[in-house]
C-alpha atoms as a PDB file:
ATOM      1  CA  MET A   1     -21.525   2.354 -13.814  1.00  0.00           C
ATOM      2  CA  THR A   2     -18.521   0.908 -13.298  1.00  0.00           C
ATOM      3  CA  LEU A   3     -16.106   1.343 -10.273  1.00  0.00           C
ATOM      4  CA  ALA A   4     -13.496   3.300 -12.193  1.00  0.00           C
ATOM      5  CA  GLN A   5     -16.786   5.694 -13.271  1.00  0.00           C
ATOM      6  CA  GLN A   6     -17.593   6.273  -9.370  1.00  0.00           C
ATOM      7  CA  VAL A   7     -16.133   8.980  -7.090  1.00  0.00           C
ATOM      8  CA  CYS A   8     -15.347   8.413  -3.455  1.00  0.00           C
ATOM      9  CA  GLU A   9     -18.073   9.308  -1.184  1.00  0.00           C
ATOM     10  CA  ALA A  10     -16.679  11.536   2.140  1.00  0.00           C
ATOM     11  CA  CYS A  11     -15.848   8.947   4.403  1.00  0.00           C
ATOM     12  CA  ARG A  12     -16.149   9.666   8.386  1.00  0.00           C
ATOM     13  CA  ALA A  13     -14.450   7.567  11.550  1.00  0.00           C
ATOM     14  CA  ASP A  14     -17.861   5.924  11.915  1.00  0.00           C
ATOM     15  CA  ALA A  15     -18.747   4.622   7.885  1.00  0.00           C
ATOM     16  CA  PRO A  16     -18.978   1.085   7.932  1.00  0.00           C
ATOM     17  CA  ARG A  17     -16.696  -1.471   6.489  1.00  0.00           C
ATOM     18  CA  VAL A  18     -17.038  -3.488   3.299  1.00  0.00           C
ATOM     19  CA  THR A  19     -18.724  -6.567   4.285  1.00  0.00           C
ATOM     20  CA  ASP A  20     -17.849 -10.236   3.038  1.00  0.00           C
ATOM     21  CA  ALA A  21     -20.352 -10.196   0.422  1.00  0.00           C
ATOM     22  CA  GLU A  22     -19.294  -6.675  -0.839  1.00  0.00           C
ATOM     23  CA  ILE A  23     -15.431  -7.916  -1.075  1.00  0.00           C
ATOM     24  CA  SER A  24     -16.804 -10.819  -3.033  1.00  0.00           C
ATOM     25  CA  GLU A  25     -19.056  -8.710  -5.383  1.00  0.00           C
ATOM     26  CA  TRP A  26     -16.127  -6.257  -6.196  1.00  0.00           C
ATOM     27  CA  LEU A  27     -13.179  -7.854  -6.086  1.00  0.00           C
ATOM     28  CA  PRO A  28     -13.385 -10.003  -9.537  1.00  0.00           C
ATOM     29  CA  LEU A  29     -13.930  -6.297 -10.737  1.00  0.00           C
ATOM     30  CA  ILE A  30     -10.326  -5.795 -10.093  1.00  0.00           C
ATOM     31  CA  ALA A  31      -8.888  -9.117 -10.002  1.00  0.00           C
ATOM     32  CA  ALA A  32      -5.344  -8.543 -10.724  1.00  0.00           C
ATOM     33  CA  TRP A  33      -5.712  -6.760  -6.976  1.00  0.00           C
ATOM     34  CA  GLN A  34      -4.560  -8.910  -4.028  1.00  0.00           C
ATOM     35  CA  LEU A  35      -6.747  -8.717  -0.562  1.00  0.00           C
ATOM     36  CA  ASP A  36      -4.042  -8.664   2.123  1.00  0.00           C
ATOM     37  CA  ALA A  37      -4.273  -7.570   5.890  1.00  0.00           C
ATOM     38  CA  GLU A  38      -2.066  -6.067   7.906  1.00  0.00           C
ATOM     39  CA  ASP A  39      -2.185  -6.318  11.927  1.00  0.00           C
ATOM     40  CA  GLY A  40      -5.874  -6.641  11.360  1.00  0.00           C
ATOM     41  CA  ILE A  41      -6.307  -4.631   8.490  1.00  0.00           C
ATOM     42  CA  LYS A  42      -8.215  -5.204   4.962  1.00  0.00           C
ATOM     43  CA  LYS A  43      -6.264  -3.749   2.556  1.00  0.00           C
ATOM     44  CA  LEU A  44      -6.037  -4.451  -1.708  1.00  0.00           C
ATOM     45  CA  SER A  45      -2.831  -4.014  -2.683  1.00  0.00           C
ATOM     46  CA  ARG A  46      -0.853  -4.581  -6.578  1.00  0.00           C
ATOM     47  CA  GLN A  47       2.583  -4.601  -8.181  1.00  0.00           C
ATOM     48  CA  PHE A  48       2.594  -2.895 -11.397  1.00  0.00           C
ATOM     49  CA  LYS A  49       5.711  -3.162 -13.558  1.00  0.00           C
ATOM     50  CA  PHE A  50       7.810  -0.789 -15.730  1.00  0.00           C
ATOM     51  CA  ALA A  51      10.834  -0.595 -17.950  1.00  0.00           C
ATOM     52  CA  ASN A  52      12.613   1.460 -15.604  1.00  0.00           C
ATOM     53  CA  PHE A  53      12.454   3.391 -12.697  1.00  0.00           C
ATOM     54  CA  VAL A  54      11.639   7.133 -14.528  1.00  0.00           C
ATOM     55  CA  ASP A  55       8.396   5.287 -15.788  1.00  0.00           C
ATOM     56  CA  ALA A  56       7.627   3.512 -12.342  1.00  0.00           C
ATOM     57  CA  MET A  57       8.585   7.428 -10.850  1.00  0.00           C
ATOM     58  CA  SER A  58       5.867   8.989 -13.584  1.00  0.00           C
ATOM     59  CA  PHE A  59       2.932   6.075 -12.995  1.00  0.00           C
ATOM     60  CA  ALA A  60       3.478   6.808  -9.381  1.00  0.00           C
ATOM     61  CA  GLY A  61       3.160  11.103  -9.377  1.00  0.00           C
ATOM     62  CA  HIS A  62       0.127   9.900 -11.717  1.00  0.00           C
ATOM     63  CA  VAL A  63      -1.551   7.703  -9.026  1.00  0.00           C
ATOM     64  CA  ALA A  64      -0.411  10.511  -6.629  1.00  0.00           C
ATOM     65  CA  GLU A  65      -2.526  13.106  -8.783  1.00  0.00           C
ATOM     66  CA  LEU A  66      -5.687  10.741  -8.831  1.00  0.00           C
ATOM     67  CA  ALA A  67      -5.152  10.684  -4.564  1.00  0.00           C
ATOM     68  CA  GLU A  68      -5.012  14.240  -4.206  1.00  0.00           C
ATOM     69  CA  ALA A  69      -8.061  15.025  -6.498  1.00  0.00           C
ATOM     70  CA  HIS A  70      -9.843  12.298  -4.853  1.00  0.00           C
ATOM     71  CA  GLY A  71      -8.696  13.009  -1.204  1.00  0.00           C
ATOM     72  CA  HIS A  72      -8.063   9.426  -0.615  1.00  0.00           C
ATOM     73  CA  HIS A  73      -4.329   8.533  -0.611  1.00  0.00           C
ATOM     74  CA  PRO A  74      -2.911   4.719  -0.654  1.00  0.00           C
ATOM     75  CA  ALA A  75       0.746   3.595   0.340  1.00  0.00           C
ATOM     76  CA  LEU A  76       3.005   3.927  -2.555  1.00  0.00           C
ATOM     77  CA  LEU A  77       6.221   1.865  -2.786  1.00  0.00           C
ATOM     78  CA  VAL A  78       8.464   2.805  -5.927  1.00  0.00           C
ATOM     79  CA  GLU A  79      11.254   0.736  -6.771  1.00  0.00           C
ATOM     80  CA  TRP A  80      13.199   0.015  -9.630  1.00  0.00           C
ATOM     81  CA  GLY A  81      10.613  -0.825 -12.341  1.00  0.00           C
ATOM     82  CA  LYS A  82       8.080  -1.315 -10.417  1.00  0.00           C
ATOM     83  CA  VAL A  83       5.358   0.114  -8.127  1.00  0.00           C
ATOM     84  CA  THR A  84       2.937  -1.084  -5.493  1.00  0.00           C
ATOM     85  CA  VAL A  85      -0.154   0.216  -4.671  1.00  0.00           C
ATOM     86  CA  THR A  86      -1.969  -0.487  -1.539  1.00  0.00           C
ATOM     87  CA  TRP A  87      -5.548   0.944  -0.823  1.00  0.00           C
ATOM     88  CA  TRP A  88      -7.080   0.958   2.657  1.00  0.00           C
ATOM     89  CA  THR A  89      -9.426   3.495   4.778  1.00  0.00           C
ATOM     90  CA  HIS A  90      -7.046   4.962   7.286  1.00  0.00           C
ATOM     91  CA  LYS A  91     -10.200   6.191  10.068  1.00  0.00           C
ATOM     92  CA  ILE A  92     -11.778   2.995   9.652  1.00  0.00           C
ATOM     93  CA  LYS A  93      -9.265   0.825   9.414  1.00  0.00           C
ATOM     94  CA  GLY A  94      -9.925  -1.683   6.843  1.00  0.00           C
ATOM     95  CA  LEU A  95     -11.669  -1.398   3.415  1.00  0.00           C
ATOM     96  CA  HIS A  96     -14.750   1.054   2.350  1.00  0.00           C
ATOM     97  CA  LYS A  97     -16.125   1.064  -1.146  1.00  0.00           C
ATOM     98  CA  ASN A  98     -13.665   3.924  -1.449  1.00  0.00           C
ATOM     99  CA  ASP A  99     -10.897   1.537  -2.151  1.00  0.00           C
ATOM    100  CA  PHE A 100     -12.069  -0.640  -4.688  1.00  0.00           C
ATOM    101  CA  VAL A 101     -13.212   2.384  -6.615  1.00  0.00           C
ATOM    102  CA  MET A 102      -9.688   3.728  -6.224  1.00  0.00           C
ATOM    103  CA  ALA A 103      -8.481   0.367  -7.307  1.00  0.00           C
ATOM    104  CA  ALA A 104     -10.307   0.558 -10.354  1.00  0.00           C
ATOM    105  CA  LYS A 105      -9.502   4.091 -11.356  1.00  0.00           C
ATOM    106  CA  THR A 106      -5.251   3.297 -10.764  1.00  0.00           C
ATOM    107  CA  ASP A 107      -6.096   0.333 -13.434  1.00  0.00           C
ATOM    108  CA  ALA A 108      -7.121   2.638 -15.662  1.00  0.00           C
ATOM    109  CA  ILE A 109      -4.312   4.479 -15.198  1.00  0.00           C
ATOM    110  CA  ALA A 110      -2.256   2.169 -15.684  1.00  0.00           C
ATOM    111  CA  THR A 111      -3.921   0.933 -18.838  1.00  0.00           C
ATOM    112  CA  GLY A 112      -1.847   3.421 -21.166  1.00  0.00           C
ATOM    113  CA  LEU A 113       1.550   3.197 -18.850  1.00  0.00           C
ATOM    114  CA  CYS A 114       2.218  -0.166 -18.179  1.00  0.00           C
ATOM    115  CA  GLN A 115       4.143  -2.970 -20.393  1.00  0.00           C
END
């Protein structure tokens, strides 16, 4: 089963963060995503490009619907012709498998919308 076919698990504040071995296993499956850290918190981010602002807003809306359906919400930065999506798990202040699953699902949305 691919990451995009999986569902988010309910995440508790004491849930374990992903290990370096898990990151090494899953990051290649979402190769366009960057592993970043902000204030010591690991995050996944990717910038998607579009022809105009309306298309960028449409994509952001689809990602918002995905987030609501799974109860897991990213940071979205919408600009003219691009959207930056950043996934991490707020409760654990880092990455959980859910973030990799949602990044893969975001890629699946983008497949039909991006140039």
